[in-house]
PDBML (XML) file of the C-alpha atoms, coordinates in Angstrom:
<?xml version="1.0" encoding="UTF-8" ?>
<PDBx:datablock datablockName="MODEL"
   xmlns:PDBx="http://pdbml.pdb.org/schema/pdbx-v50.xsd"
   xmlns:xsi="http://www.w3.org/2001/XMLSchema-instance"
   xsi:schemaLocation="http://pdbml.pdb.org/schema/pdbx-v50.xsd pdbx-v50.xsd">
   <PDBx:atom_siteCategory>
      <PDBx:atom_site id="1">
         <PDBx:B_iso_or_equiv>0.00</PDBx:B_iso_or_equiv>
         <PDBx:Cartn_x>11.912</PDBx:Cartn_x>
         <PDBx:Cartn_y>-1.011</PDBx:Cartn_y>
         <PDBx:Cartn_z>-6.911</PDBx:Cartn_z>
         <PDBx:auth_asym_id>A</PDBx:auth_asym_id>
         <PDBx:auth_atom_id>CA</PDBx:auth_atom_id>
         <PDBx:auth_comp_id>ILE</PDBx:auth_comp_id>
         <PDBx:auth_seq_id>1</PDBx:auth_seq_id>
         <PDBx:group_PDB>ATOM</PDBx:group_PDB>
         <PDBx:label_alt_id xsi:nil="true" />
         <PDBx:label_asym_id>A</PDBx:label_asym_id>
         <PDBx:label_atom_id>CA</PDBx:label_atom_id>
         <PDBx:label_comp_id>ILE</PDBx:label_comp_id>
         <PDBx:label_entity_id>1</PDBx:label_entity_id>
         <PDBx:label_seq_id>1</PDBx:label_seq_id>
         <PDBx:occupancy>1.00</PDBx:occupancy>
         <PDBx:pdbx_PDB_model_num>1</PDBx:pdbx_PDB_model_num>
         <PDBx:type_symbol>C</PDBx:type_symbol>
      </PDBx:atom_site>
      <PDBx:atom_site id="2">
         <PDBx:B_iso_or_equiv>0.00</PDBx:B_iso_or_equiv>
         <PDBx:Cartn_x>9.233</PDBx:Cartn_x>
         <PDBx:Cartn_y>-1.885</PDBx:Cartn_y>
         <PDBx:Cartn_z>-9.508</PDBx:Cartn_z>
         <PDBx:auth_asym_id>A</PDBx:auth_asym_id>
         <PDBx:auth_atom_id>CA</PDBx:auth_atom_id>
         <PDBx:auth_comp_id>THR</PDBx:auth_comp_id>
         <PDBx:auth_seq_id>2</PDBx:auth_seq_id>
         <PDBx:group_PDB>ATOM</PDBx:group_PDB>
         <PDBx:label_alt_id xsi:nil="true" />
         <PDBx:label_asym_id>A</PDBx:label_asym_id>
         <PDBx:label_atom_id>CA</PDBx:label_atom_id>
         <PDBx:label_comp_id>THR</PDBx:label_comp_id>
         <PDBx:label_entity_id>1</PDBx:label_entity_id>
         <PDBx:label_seq_id>2</PDBx:label_seq_id>
         <PDBx:occupancy>1.00</PDBx:occupancy>
         <PDBx:pdbx_PDB_model_num>1</PDBx:pdbx_PDB_model_num>
         <PDBx:type_symbol>C</PDBx:type_symbol>
      </PDBx:atom_site>
      <PDBx:atom_site id="3">
         <PDBx:B_iso_or_equiv>0.00</PDBx:B_iso_or_equiv>
         <PDBx:Cartn_x>7.189</PDBx:Cartn_x>
         <PDBx:Cartn_y>-4.128</PDBx:Cartn_y>
         <PDBx:Cartn_z>-7.035</PDBx:Cartn_z>
         <PDBx:auth_asym_id>A</PDBx:auth_asym_id>
         <PDBx:auth_atom_id>CA</PDBx:auth_atom_id>
         <PDBx:auth_comp_id>PHE</PDBx:auth_comp_id>
         <PDBx:auth_seq_id>3</PDBx:auth_seq_id>
         <PDBx:group_PDB>ATOM</PDBx:group_PDB>
         <PDBx:label_alt_id xsi:nil="true" />
         <PDBx:label_asym_id>A</PDBx:label_asym_id>
         <PDBx:label_atom_id>CA</PDBx:label_atom_id>
         <PDBx:label_comp_id>PHE</PDBx:label_comp_id>
         <PDBx:label_entity_id>1</PDBx:label_entity_id>
         <PDBx:label_seq_id>3</PDBx:label_seq_id>
         <PDBx:occupancy>1.00</PDBx:occupancy>
         <PDBx:pdbx_PDB_model_num>1</PDBx:pdbx_PDB_model_num>
         <PDBx:type_symbol>C</PDBx:type_symbol>
      </PDBx:atom_site>
      <PDBx:atom_site id="4">
         <PDBx:B_iso_or_equiv>0.00</PDBx:B_iso_or_equiv>
         <PDBx:Cartn_x>7.557</PDBx:Cartn_x>
         <PDBx:Cartn_y>-2.337</PDBx:Cartn_y>
         <PDBx:Cartn_z>-3.729</PDBx:Cartn_z>
         <PDBx:auth_asym_id>A</PDBx:auth_asym_id>
         <PDBx:auth_atom_id>CA</PDBx:auth_atom_id>
         <PDBx:auth_comp_id>VAL</PDBx:auth_comp_id>
         <PDBx:auth_seq_id>4</PDBx:auth_seq_id>
         <PDBx:group_PDB>ATOM</PDBx:group_PDB>
         <PDBx:label_alt_id xsi:nil="true" />
         <PDBx:label_asym_id>A</PDBx:label_asym_id>
         <PDBx:label_atom_id>CA</PDBx:label_atom_id>
         <PDBx:label_comp_id>VAL</PDBx:label_comp_id>
         <PDBx:label_entity_id>1</PDBx:label_entity_id>
         <PDBx:label_seq_id>4</PDBx:label_seq_id>
         <PDBx:occupancy>1.00</PDBx:occupancy>
         <PDBx:pdbx_PDB_model_num>1</PDBx:pdbx_PDB_model_num>
         <PDBx:type_symbol>C</PDBx:type_symbol>
      </PDBx:atom_site>
      <PDBx:atom_site id="5">
         <PDBx:B_iso_or_equiv>0.00</PDBx:B_iso_or_equiv>
         <PDBx:Cartn_x>8.881</PDBx:Cartn_x>
         <PDBx:Cartn_y>1.075</PDBx:Cartn_y>
         <PDBx:Cartn_z>-4.821</PDBx:Cartn_z>
         <PDBx:auth_asym_id>A</PDBx:auth_asym_id>
         <PDBx:auth_atom_id>CA</PDBx:auth_atom_id>
         <PDBx:auth_comp_id>SER</PDBx:auth_comp_id>
         <PDBx:auth_seq_id>5</PDBx:auth_seq_id>
         <PDBx:group_PDB>ATOM</PDBx:group_PDB>
         <PDBx:label_alt_id xsi:nil="true" />
         <PDBx:label_asym_id>A</PDBx:label_asym_id>
         <PDBx:label_atom_id>CA</PDBx:label_atom_id>
         <PDBx:label_comp_id>SER</PDBx:label_comp_id>
         <PDBx:label_entity_id>1</PDBx:label_entity_id>
         <PDBx:label_seq_id>5</PDBx:label_seq_id>
         <PDBx:occupancy>1.00</PDBx:occupancy>
         <PDBx:pdbx_PDB_model_num>1</PDBx:pdbx_PDB_model_num>
         <PDBx:type_symbol>C</PDBx:type_symbol>
      </PDBx:atom_site>
      <PDBx:atom_site id="6">
         <PDBx:B_iso_or_equiv>0.00</PDBx:B_iso_or_equiv>
         <PDBx:Cartn_x>11.633</PDBx:Cartn_x>
         <PDBx:Cartn_y>2.984</PDBx:Cartn_y>
         <PDBx:Cartn_z>-2.797</PDBx:Cartn_z>
         <PDBx:auth_asym_id>A</PDBx:auth_asym_id>
         <PDBx:auth_atom_id>CA</PDBx:auth_atom_id>
         <PDBx:auth_comp_id>ASN</PDBx:auth_comp_id>
         <PDBx:auth_seq_id>6</PDBx:auth_seq_id>
         <PDBx:group_PDB>ATOM</PDBx:group_PDB>
         <PDBx:label_alt_id xsi:nil="true" />
         <PDBx:label_asym_id>A</PDBx:label_asym_id>
         <PDBx:label_atom_id>CA</PDBx:label_atom_id>
         <PDBx:label_comp_id>ASN</PDBx:label_comp_id>
         <PDBx:label_entity_id>1</PDBx:label_entity_id>
         <PDBx:label_seq_id>6</PDBx:label_seq_id>
         <PDBx:occupancy>1.00</PDBx:occupancy>
         <PDBx:pdbx_PDB_model_num>1</PDBx:pdbx_PDB_model_num>
         <PDBx:type_symbol>C</PDBx:type_symbol>
      </PDBx:atom_site>
      <PDBx:atom_site id="7">
         <PDBx:B_iso_or_equiv>0.00</PDBx:B_iso_or_equiv>
         <PDBx:Cartn_x>10.015</PDBx:Cartn_x>
         <PDBx:Cartn_y>3.691</PDBx:Cartn_y>
         <PDBx:Cartn_z>0.854</PDBx:Cartn_z>
         <PDBx:auth_asym_id>A</PDBx:auth_asym_id>
         <PDBx:auth_atom_id>CA</PDBx:auth_atom_id>
         <PDBx:auth_comp_id>ILE</PDBx:auth_comp_id>
         <PDBx:auth_seq_id>7</PDBx:auth_seq_id>
         <PDBx:group_PDB>ATOM</PDBx:group_PDB>
         <PDBx:label_alt_id xsi:nil="true" />
         <PDBx:label_asym_id>A</PDBx:label_asym_id>
         <PDBx:label_atom_id>CA</PDBx:label_atom_id>
         <PDBx:label_comp_id>ILE</PDBx:label_comp_id>
         <PDBx:label_entity_id>1</PDBx:label_entity_id>
         <PDBx:label_seq_id>7</PDBx:label_seq_id>
         <PDBx:occupancy>1.00</PDBx:occupancy>
         <PDBx:pdbx_PDB_model_num>1</PDBx:pdbx_PDB_model_num>
         <PDBx:type_symbol>C</PDBx:type_symbol>
      </PDBx:atom_site>
      <PDBx:atom_site id="8">
         <PDBx:B_iso_or_equiv>0.00</PDBx:B_iso_or_equiv>
         <PDBx:Cartn_x>12.629</PDBx:Cartn_x>
         <PDBx:Cartn_y>4.624</PDBx:Cartn_y>
         <PDBx:Cartn_z>3.530</PDBx:Cartn_z>
         <PDBx:auth_asym_id>A</PDBx:auth_asym_id>
         <PDBx:auth_atom_id>CA</PDBx:auth_atom_id>
         <PDBx:auth_comp_id>PRO</PDBx:auth_comp_id>
         <PDBx:auth_seq_id>8</PDBx:auth_seq_id>
         <PDBx:group_PDB>ATOM</PDBx:group_PDB>
         <PDBx:label_alt_id xsi:nil="true" />
         <PDBx:label_asym_id>A</PDBx:label_asym_id>
         <PDBx:label_atom_id>CA</PDBx:label_atom_id>
         <PDBx:label_comp_id>PRO</PDBx:label_comp_id>
         <PDBx:label_entity_id>1</PDBx:label_entity_id>
         <PDBx:label_seq_id>8</PDBx:label_seq_id>
         <PDBx:occupancy>1.00</PDBx:occupancy>
         <PDBx:pdbx_PDB_model_num>1</PDBx:pdbx_PDB_model_num>
         <PDBx:type_symbol>C</PDBx:type_symbol>
      </PDBx:atom_site>
      <PDBx:atom_site id="9">
         <PDBx:B_iso_or_equiv>0.00</PDBx:B_iso_or_equiv>
         <PDBx:Cartn_x>12.480</PDBx:Cartn_x>
         <PDBx:Cartn_y>2.410</PDBx:Cartn_y>
         <PDBx:Cartn_z>6.372</PDBx:Cartn_z>
         <PDBx:auth_asym_id>A</PDBx:auth_asym_id>
         <PDBx:auth_atom_id>CA</PDBx:auth_atom_id>
         <PDBx:auth_comp_id>GLY</PDBx:auth_comp_id>
         <PDBx:auth_seq_id>9</PDBx:auth_seq_id>
         <PDBx:group_PDB>ATOM</PDBx:group_PDB>
         <PDBx:label_alt_id xsi:nil="true" />
         <PDBx:label_asym_id>A</PDBx:label_asym_id>
         <PDBx:label_atom_id>CA</PDBx:label_atom_id>
         <PDBx:label_comp_id>GLY</PDBx:label_comp_id>
         <PDBx:label_entity_id>1</PDBx:label_entity_id>
         <PDBx:label_seq_id>9</PDBx:label_seq_id>
         <PDBx:occupancy>1.00</PDBx:occupancy>
         <PDBx:pdbx_PDB_model_num>1</PDBx:pdbx_PDB_model_num>
         <PDBx:type_symbol>C</PDBx:type_symbol>
      </PDBx:atom_site>
      <PDBx:atom_site id="10">
         <PDBx:B_iso_or_equiv>0.00</PDBx:B_iso_or_equiv>
         <PDBx:Cartn_x>10.040</PDBx:Cartn_x>
         <PDBx:Cartn_y>-0.074</PDBx:Cartn_y>
         <PDBx:Cartn_z>4.608</PDBx:Cartn_z>
         <PDBx:auth_asym_id>A</PDBx:auth_asym_id>
         <PDBx:auth_atom_id>CA</PDBx:auth_atom_id>
         <PDBx:auth_comp_id>GLU</PDBx:auth_comp_id>
         <PDBx:auth_seq_id>10</PDBx:auth_seq_id>
         <PDBx:group_PDB>ATOM</PDBx:group_PDB>
         <PDBx:label_alt_id xsi:nil="true" />
         <PDBx:label_asym_id>A</PDBx:label_asym_id>
         <PDBx:label_atom_id>CA</PDBx:label_atom_id>
         <PDBx:label_comp_id>GLU</PDBx:label_comp_id>
         <PDBx:label_entity_id>1</PDBx:label_entity_id>
         <PDBx:label_seq_id>10</PDBx:label_seq_id>
         <PDBx:occupancy>1.00</PDBx:occupancy>
         <PDBx:pdbx_PDB_model_num>1</PDBx:pdbx_PDB_model_num>
         <PDBx:type_symbol>C</PDBx:type_symbol>
      </PDBx:atom_site>
      <PDBx:atom_site id="11">
         <PDBx:B_iso_or_equiv>0.00</PDBx:B_iso_or_equiv>
         <PDBx:Cartn_x>11.560</PDBx:Cartn_x>
         <PDBx:Cartn_y>-1.024</PDBx:Cartn_y>
         <PDBx:Cartn_z>1.223</PDBx:Cartn_z>
         <PDBx:auth_asym_id>A</PDBx:auth_asym_id>
         <PDBx:auth_atom_id>CA</PDBx:auth_atom_id>
         <PDBx:auth_comp_id>THR</PDBx:auth_comp_id>
         <PDBx:auth_seq_id>11</PDBx:auth_seq_id>
         <PDBx:group_PDB>ATOM</PDBx:group_PDB>
         <PDBx:label_alt_id xsi:nil="true" />
         <PDBx:label_asym_id>A</PDBx:label_asym_id>
         <PDBx:label_atom_id>CA</PDBx:label_atom_id>
         <PDBx:label_comp_id>THR</PDBx:label_comp_id>
         <PDBx:label_entity_id>1</PDBx:label_entity_id>
         <PDBx:label_seq_id>11</PDBx:label_seq_id>
         <PDBx:occupancy>1.00</PDBx:occupancy>
         <PDBx:pdbx_PDB_model_num>1</PDBx:pdbx_PDB_model_num>
         <PDBx:type_symbol>C</PDBx:type_symbol>
      </PDBx:atom_site>
      <PDBx:atom_site id="12">
         <PDBx:B_iso_or_equiv>0.00</PDBx:B_iso_or_equiv>
         <PDBx:Cartn_x>14.587</PDBx:Cartn_x>
         <PDBx:Cartn_y>1.052</PDBx:Cartn_y>
         <PDBx:Cartn_z>0.877</PDBx:Cartn_z>
         <PDBx:auth_asym_id>A</PDBx:auth_asym_id>
         <PDBx:auth_atom_id>CA</PDBx:auth_atom_id>
         <PDBx:auth_comp_id>GLN</PDBx:auth_comp_id>
         <PDBx:auth_seq_id>12</PDBx:auth_seq_id>
         <PDBx:group_PDB>ATOM</PDBx:group_PDB>
         <PDBx:label_alt_id xsi:nil="true" />
         <PDBx:label_asym_id>A</PDBx:label_asym_id>
         <PDBx:label_atom_id>CA</PDBx:label_atom_id>
         <PDBx:label_comp_id>GLN</PDBx:label_comp_id>
         <PDBx:label_entity_id>1</PDBx:label_entity_id>
         <PDBx:label_seq_id>12</PDBx:label_seq_id>
         <PDBx:occupancy>1.00</PDBx:occupancy>
         <PDBx:pdbx_PDB_model_num>1</PDBx:pdbx_PDB_model_num>
         <PDBx:type_symbol>C</PDBx:type_symbol>
      </PDBx:atom_site>
      <PDBx:atom_site id="13">
         <PDBx:B_iso_or_equiv>0.00</PDBx:B_iso_or_equiv>
         <PDBx:Cartn_x>17.346</PDBx:Cartn_x>
         <PDBx:Cartn_y>-1.439</PDBx:Cartn_y>
         <PDBx:Cartn_z>0.741</PDBx:Cartn_z>
         <PDBx:auth_asym_id>A</PDBx:auth_asym_id>
         <PDBx:auth_atom_id>CA</PDBx:auth_atom_id>
         <PDBx:auth_comp_id>THR</PDBx:auth_comp_id>
         <PDBx:auth_seq_id>13</PDBx:auth_seq_id>
         <PDBx:group_PDB>ATOM</PDBx:group_PDB>
         <PDBx:label_alt_id xsi:nil="true" />
         <PDBx:label_asym_id>A</PDBx:label_asym_id>
         <PDBx:label_atom_id>CA</PDBx:label_atom_id>
         <PDBx:label_comp_id>THR</PDBx:label_comp_id>
         <PDBx:label_entity_id>1</PDBx:label_entity_id>
         <PDBx:label_seq_id>13</PDBx:label_seq_id>
         <PDBx:occupancy>1.00</PDBx:occupancy>
         <PDBx:pdbx_PDB_model_num>1</PDBx:pdbx_PDB_model_num>
         <PDBx:type_symbol>C</PDBx:type_symbol>
      </PDBx:atom_site>
      <PDBx:atom_site id="14">
         <PDBx:B_iso_or_equiv>0.00</PDBx:B_iso_or_equiv>
         <PDBx:Cartn_x>21.154</PDBx:Cartn_x>
         <PDBx:Cartn_y>-0.798</PDBx:Cartn_y>
         <PDBx:Cartn_z>-0.051</PDBx:Cartn_z>
         <PDBx:auth_asym_id>A</PDBx:auth_asym_id>
         <PDBx:auth_atom_id>CA</PDBx:auth_atom_id>
         <PDBx:auth_comp_id>LEU</PDBx:auth_comp_id>
         <PDBx:auth_seq_id>14</PDBx:auth_seq_id>
         <PDBx:group_PDB>ATOM</PDBx:group_PDB>
         <PDBx:label_alt_id xsi:nil="true" />
         <PDBx:label_asym_id>A</PDBx:label_asym_id>
         <PDBx:label_atom_id>CA</PDBx:label_atom_id>
         <PDBx:label_comp_id>LEU</PDBx:label_comp_id>
         <PDBx:label_entity_id>1</PDBx:label_entity_id>
         <PDBx:label_seq_id>14</PDBx:label_seq_id>
         <PDBx:occupancy>1.00</PDBx:occupancy>
         <PDBx:pdbx_PDB_model_num>1</PDBx:pdbx_PDB_model_num>
         <PDBx:type_symbol>C</PDBx:type_symbol>
      </PDBx:atom_site>
      <PDBx:atom_site id="15">
         <PDBx:B_iso_or_equiv>0.00</PDBx:B_iso_or_equiv>
         <PDBx:Cartn_x>20.567</PDBx:Cartn_x>
         <PDBx:Cartn_y>-0.611</PDBx:Cartn_y>
         <PDBx:Cartn_z>-3.887</PDBx:Cartn_z>
         <PDBx:auth_asym_id>A</PDBx:auth_asym_id>
         <PDBx:auth_atom_id>CA</PDBx:auth_atom_id>
         <PDBx:auth_comp_id>ALA</PDBx:auth_comp_id>
         <PDBx:auth_seq_id>15</PDBx:auth_seq_id>
         <PDBx:group_PDB>ATOM</PDBx:group_PDB>
         <PDBx:label_alt_id xsi:nil="true" />
         <PDBx:label_asym_id>A</PDBx:label_asym_id>
         <PDBx:label_atom_id>CA</PDBx:label_atom_id>
         <PDBx:label_comp_id>ALA</PDBx:label_comp_id>
         <PDBx:label_entity_id>1</PDBx:label_entity_id>
         <PDBx:label_seq_id>15</PDBx:label_seq_id>
         <PDBx:occupancy>1.00</PDBx:occupancy>
         <PDBx:pdbx_PDB_model_num>1</PDBx:pdbx_PDB_model_num>
         <PDBx:type_symbol>C</PDBx:type_symbol>
      </PDBx:atom_site>
      <PDBx:atom_site id="16">
         <PDBx:B_iso_or_equiv>0.00</PDBx:B_iso_or_equiv>
         <PDBx:Cartn_x>17.454</PDBx:Cartn_x>
         <PDBx:Cartn_y>1.553</PDBx:Cartn_y>
         <PDBx:Cartn_z>-3.492</PDBx:Cartn_z>
         <PDBx:auth_asym_id>A</PDBx:auth_asym_id>
         <PDBx:auth_atom_id>CA</PDBx:auth_atom_id>
         <PDBx:auth_comp_id>SER</PDBx:auth_comp_id>
         <PDBx:auth_seq_id>16</PDBx:auth_seq_id>
         <PDBx:group_PDB>ATOM</PDBx:group_PDB>
         <PDBx:label_alt_id xsi:nil="true" />
         <PDBx:label_asym_id>A</PDBx:label_asym_id>
         <PDBx:label_atom_id>CA</PDBx:label_atom_id>
         <PDBx:label_comp_id>SER</PDBx:label_comp_id>
         <PDBx:label_entity_id>1</PDBx:label_entity_id>
         <PDBx:label_seq_id>16</PDBx:label_seq_id>
         <PDBx:occupancy>1.00</PDBx:occupancy>
         <PDBx:pdbx_PDB_model_num>1</PDBx:pdbx_PDB_model_num>
         <PDBx:type_symbol>C</PDBx:type_symbol>
      </PDBx:atom_site>
      <PDBx:atom_site id="17">
         <PDBx:B_iso_or_equiv>0.00</PDBx:B_iso_or_equiv>
         <PDBx:Cartn_x>19.433</PDBx:Cartn_x>
         <PDBx:Cartn_y>3.950</PDBx:Cartn_y>
         <PDBx:Cartn_z>-1.154</PDBx:Cartn_z>
         <PDBx:auth_asym_id>A</PDBx:auth_asym_id>
         <PDBx:auth_atom_id>CA</PDBx:auth_atom_id>
         <PDBx:auth_comp_id>ALA</PDBx:auth_comp_id>
         <PDBx:auth_seq_id>17</PDBx:auth_seq_id>
         <PDBx:group_PDB>ATOM</PDBx:group_PDB>
         <PDBx:label_alt_id xsi:nil="true" />
         <PDBx:label_asym_id>A</PDBx:label_asym_id>
         <PDBx:label_atom_id>CA</PDBx:label_atom_id>
         <PDBx:label_comp_id>ALA</PDBx:label_comp_id>
         <PDBx:label_entity_id>1</PDBx:label_entity_id>
         <PDBx:label_seq_id>17</PDBx:label_seq_id>
         <PDBx:occupancy>1.00</PDBx:occupancy>
         <PDBx:pdbx_PDB_model_num>1</PDBx:pdbx_PDB_model_num>
         <PDBx:type_symbol>C</PDBx:type_symbol>
      </PDBx:atom_site>
      <PDBx:atom_site id="18">
         <PDBx:B_iso_or_equiv>0.00</PDBx:B_iso_or_equiv>
         <PDBx:Cartn_x>22.433</PDBx:Cartn_x>
         <PDBx:Cartn_y>4.297</PDBx:Cartn_y>
         <PDBx:Cartn_z>-3.645</PDBx:Cartn_z>
         <PDBx:auth_asym_id>A</PDBx:auth_asym_id>
         <PDBx:auth_atom_id>CA</PDBx:auth_atom_id>
         <PDBx:auth_comp_id>ILE</PDBx:auth_comp_id>
         <PDBx:auth_seq_id>18</PDBx:auth_seq_id>
         <PDBx:group_PDB>ATOM</PDBx:group_PDB>
         <PDBx:label_alt_id xsi:nil="true" />
         <PDBx:label_asym_id>A</PDBx:label_asym_id>
         <PDBx:label_atom_id>CA</PDBx:label_atom_id>
         <PDBx:label_comp_id>ILE</PDBx:label_comp_id>
         <PDBx:label_entity_id>1</PDBx:label_entity_id>
         <PDBx:label_seq_id>18</PDBx:label_seq_id>
         <PDBx:occupancy>1.00</PDBx:occupancy>
         <PDBx:pdbx_PDB_model_num>1</PDBx:pdbx_PDB_model_num>
         <PDBx:type_symbol>C</PDBx:type_symbol>
      </PDBx:atom_site>
      <PDBx:atom_site id="19">
         <PDBx:B_iso_or_equiv>0.00</PDBx:B_iso_or_equiv>
         <PDBx:Cartn_x>19.960</PDBx:Cartn_x>
         <PDBx:Cartn_y>5.047</PDBx:Cartn_y>
         <PDBx:Cartn_z>-6.322</PDBx:Cartn_z>
         <PDBx:auth_asym_id>A</PDBx:auth_asym_id>
         <PDBx:auth_atom_id>CA</PDBx:auth_atom_id>
         <PDBx:auth_comp_id>TYR</PDBx:auth_comp_id>
         <PDBx:auth_seq_id>19</PDBx:auth_seq_id>
         <PDBx:group_PDB>ATOM</PDBx:group_PDB>
         <PDBx:label_alt_id xsi:nil="true" />
         <PDBx:label_asym_id>A</PDBx:label_asym_id>
         <PDBx:label_atom_id>CA</PDBx:label_atom_id>
         <PDBx:label_comp_id>TYR</PDBx:label_comp_id>
         <PDBx:label_entity_id>1</PDBx:label_entity_id>
         <PDBx:label_seq_id>19</PDBx:label_seq_id>
         <PDBx:occupancy>1.00</PDBx:occupancy>
         <PDBx:pdbx_PDB_model_num>1</PDBx:pdbx_PDB_model_num>
         <PDBx:type_symbol>C</PDBx:type_symbol>
      </PDBx:atom_site>
      <PDBx:atom_site id="20">
         <PDBx:B_iso_or_equiv>0.00</PDBx:B_iso_or_equiv>
         <PDBx:Cartn_x>18.195</PDBx:Cartn_x>
         <PDBx:Cartn_y>7.716</PDBx:Cartn_y>
         <PDBx:Cartn_z>-4.097</PDBx:Cartn_z>
         <PDBx:auth_asym_id>A</PDBx:auth_asym_id>
         <PDBx:auth_atom_id>CA</PDBx:auth_atom_id>
         <PDBx:auth_comp_id>THR</PDBx:auth_comp_id>
         <PDBx:auth_seq_id>20</PDBx:auth_seq_id>
         <PDBx:group_PDB>ATOM</PDBx:group_PDB>
         <PDBx:label_alt_id xsi:nil="true" />
         <PDBx:label_asym_id>A</PDBx:label_asym_id>
         <PDBx:label_atom_id>CA</PDBx:label_atom_id>
         <PDBx:label_comp_id>THR</PDBx:label_comp_id>
         <PDBx:label_entity_id>1</PDBx:label_entity_id>
         <PDBx:label_seq_id>20</PDBx:label_seq_id>
         <PDBx:occupancy>1.00</PDBx:occupancy>
         <PDBx:pdbx_PDB_model_num>1</PDBx:pdbx_PDB_model_num>
         <PDBx:type_symbol>C</PDBx:type_symbol>
      </PDBx:atom_site>
      <PDBx:atom_site id="21">
         <PDBx:B_iso_or_equiv>0.00</PDBx:B_iso_or_equiv>
         <PDBx:Cartn_x>21.570</PDBx:Cartn_x>
         <PDBx:Cartn_y>9.411</PDBx:Cartn_y>
         <PDBx:Cartn_z>-3.253</PDBx:Cartn_z>
         <PDBx:auth_asym_id>A</PDBx:auth_asym_id>
         <PDBx:auth_atom_id>CA</PDBx:auth_atom_id>
         <PDBx:auth_comp_id>TYR</PDBx:auth_comp_id>
         <PDBx:auth_seq_id>21</PDBx:auth_seq_id>
         <PDBx:group_PDB>ATOM</PDBx:group_PDB>
         <PDBx:label_alt_id xsi:nil="true" />
         <PDBx:label_asym_id>A</PDBx:label_asym_id>
         <PDBx:label_atom_id>CA</PDBx:label_atom_id>
         <PDBx:label_comp_id>TYR</PDBx:label_comp_id>
         <PDBx:label_entity_id>1</PDBx:label_entity_id>
         <PDBx:label_seq_id>21</PDBx:label_seq_id>
         <PDBx:occupancy>1.00</PDBx:occupancy>
         <PDBx:pdbx_PDB_model_num>1</PDBx:pdbx_PDB_model_num>
         <PDBx:type_symbol>C</PDBx:type_symbol>
      </PDBx:atom_site>
      <PDBx:atom_site id="22">
         <PDBx:B_iso_or_equiv>0.00</PDBx:B_iso_or_equiv>
         <PDBx:Cartn_x>22.722</PDBx:Cartn_x>
         <PDBx:Cartn_y>9.476</PDBx:Cartn_y>
         <PDBx:Cartn_z>-6.750</PDBx:Cartn_z>
         <PDBx:auth_asym_id>A</PDBx:auth_asym_id>
         <PDBx:auth_atom_id>CA</PDBx:auth_atom_id>
         <PDBx:auth_comp_id>THR</PDBx:auth_comp_id>
         <PDBx:auth_seq_id>22</PDBx:auth_seq_id>
         <PDBx:group_PDB>ATOM</PDBx:group_PDB>
         <PDBx:label_alt_id xsi:nil="true" />
         <PDBx:label_asym_id>A</PDBx:label_asym_id>
         <PDBx:label_atom_id>CA</PDBx:label_atom_id>
         <PDBx:label_comp_id>THR</PDBx:label_comp_id>
         <PDBx:label_entity_id>1</PDBx:label_entity_id>
         <PDBx:label_seq_id>22</PDBx:label_seq_id>
         <PDBx:occupancy>1.00</PDBx:occupancy>
         <PDBx:pdbx_PDB_model_num>1</PDBx:pdbx_PDB_model_num>
         <PDBx:type_symbol>C</PDBx:type_symbol>
      </PDBx:atom_site>
      <PDBx:atom_site id="23">
         <PDBx:B_iso_or_equiv>0.00</PDBx:B_iso_or_equiv>
         <PDBx:Cartn_x>19.524</PDBx:Cartn_x>
         <PDBx:Cartn_y>11.623</PDBx:Cartn_y>
         <PDBx:Cartn_z>-7.612</PDBx:Cartn_z>
         <PDBx:auth_asym_id>A</PDBx:auth_asym_id>
         <PDBx:auth_atom_id>CA</PDBx:auth_atom_id>
         <PDBx:auth_comp_id>GLN</PDBx:auth_comp_id>
         <PDBx:auth_seq_id>23</PDBx:auth_seq_id>
         <PDBx:group_PDB>ATOM</PDBx:group_PDB>
         <PDBx:label_alt_id xsi:nil="true" />
         <PDBx:label_asym_id>A</PDBx:label_asym_id>
         <PDBx:label_atom_id>CA</PDBx:label_atom_id>
         <PDBx:label_comp_id>GLN</PDBx:label_comp_id>
         <PDBx:label_entity_id>1</PDBx:label_entity_id>
         <PDBx:label_seq_id>23</PDBx:label_seq_id>
         <PDBx:occupancy>1.00</PDBx:occupancy>
         <PDBx:pdbx_PDB_model_num>1</PDBx:pdbx_PDB_model_num>
         <PDBx:type_symbol>C</PDBx:type_symbol>
      </PDBx:atom_site>
      <PDBx:atom_site id="24">
         <PDBx:B_iso_or_equiv>0.00</PDBx:B_iso_or_equiv>
         <PDBx:Cartn_x>20.004</PDBx:Cartn_x>
         <PDBx:Cartn_y>14.155</PDBx:Cartn_y>
         <PDBx:Cartn_z>-4.903</PDBx:Cartn_z>
         <PDBx:auth_asym_id>A</PDBx:auth_asym_id>
         <PDBx:auth_atom_id>CA</PDBx:auth_atom_id>
         <PDBx:auth_comp_id>VAL</PDBx:auth_comp_id>
         <PDBx:auth_seq_id>24</PDBx:auth_seq_id>
         <PDBx:group_PDB>ATOM</PDBx:group_PDB>
         <PDBx:label_alt_id xsi:nil="true" />
         <PDBx:label_asym_id>A</PDBx:label_asym_id>
         <PDBx:label_atom_id>CA</PDBx:label_atom_id>
         <PDBx:label_comp_id>VAL</PDBx:label_comp_id>
         <PDBx:label_entity_id>1</PDBx:label_entity_id>
         <PDBx:label_seq_id>24</PDBx:label_seq_id>
         <PDBx:occupancy>1.00</PDBx:occupancy>
         <PDBx:pdbx_PDB_model_num>1</PDBx:pdbx_PDB_model_num>
         <PDBx:type_symbol>C</PDBx:type_symbol>
      </PDBx:atom_site>
   </PDBx:atom_siteCategory>
</PDBx:datablock>
């Protein structure tokens, strides 16, 4: 997430998606 951010469909992996869902 530090290197490539959290872009849905491009860099949003499972871990990033979990983080996103915990924030909404």
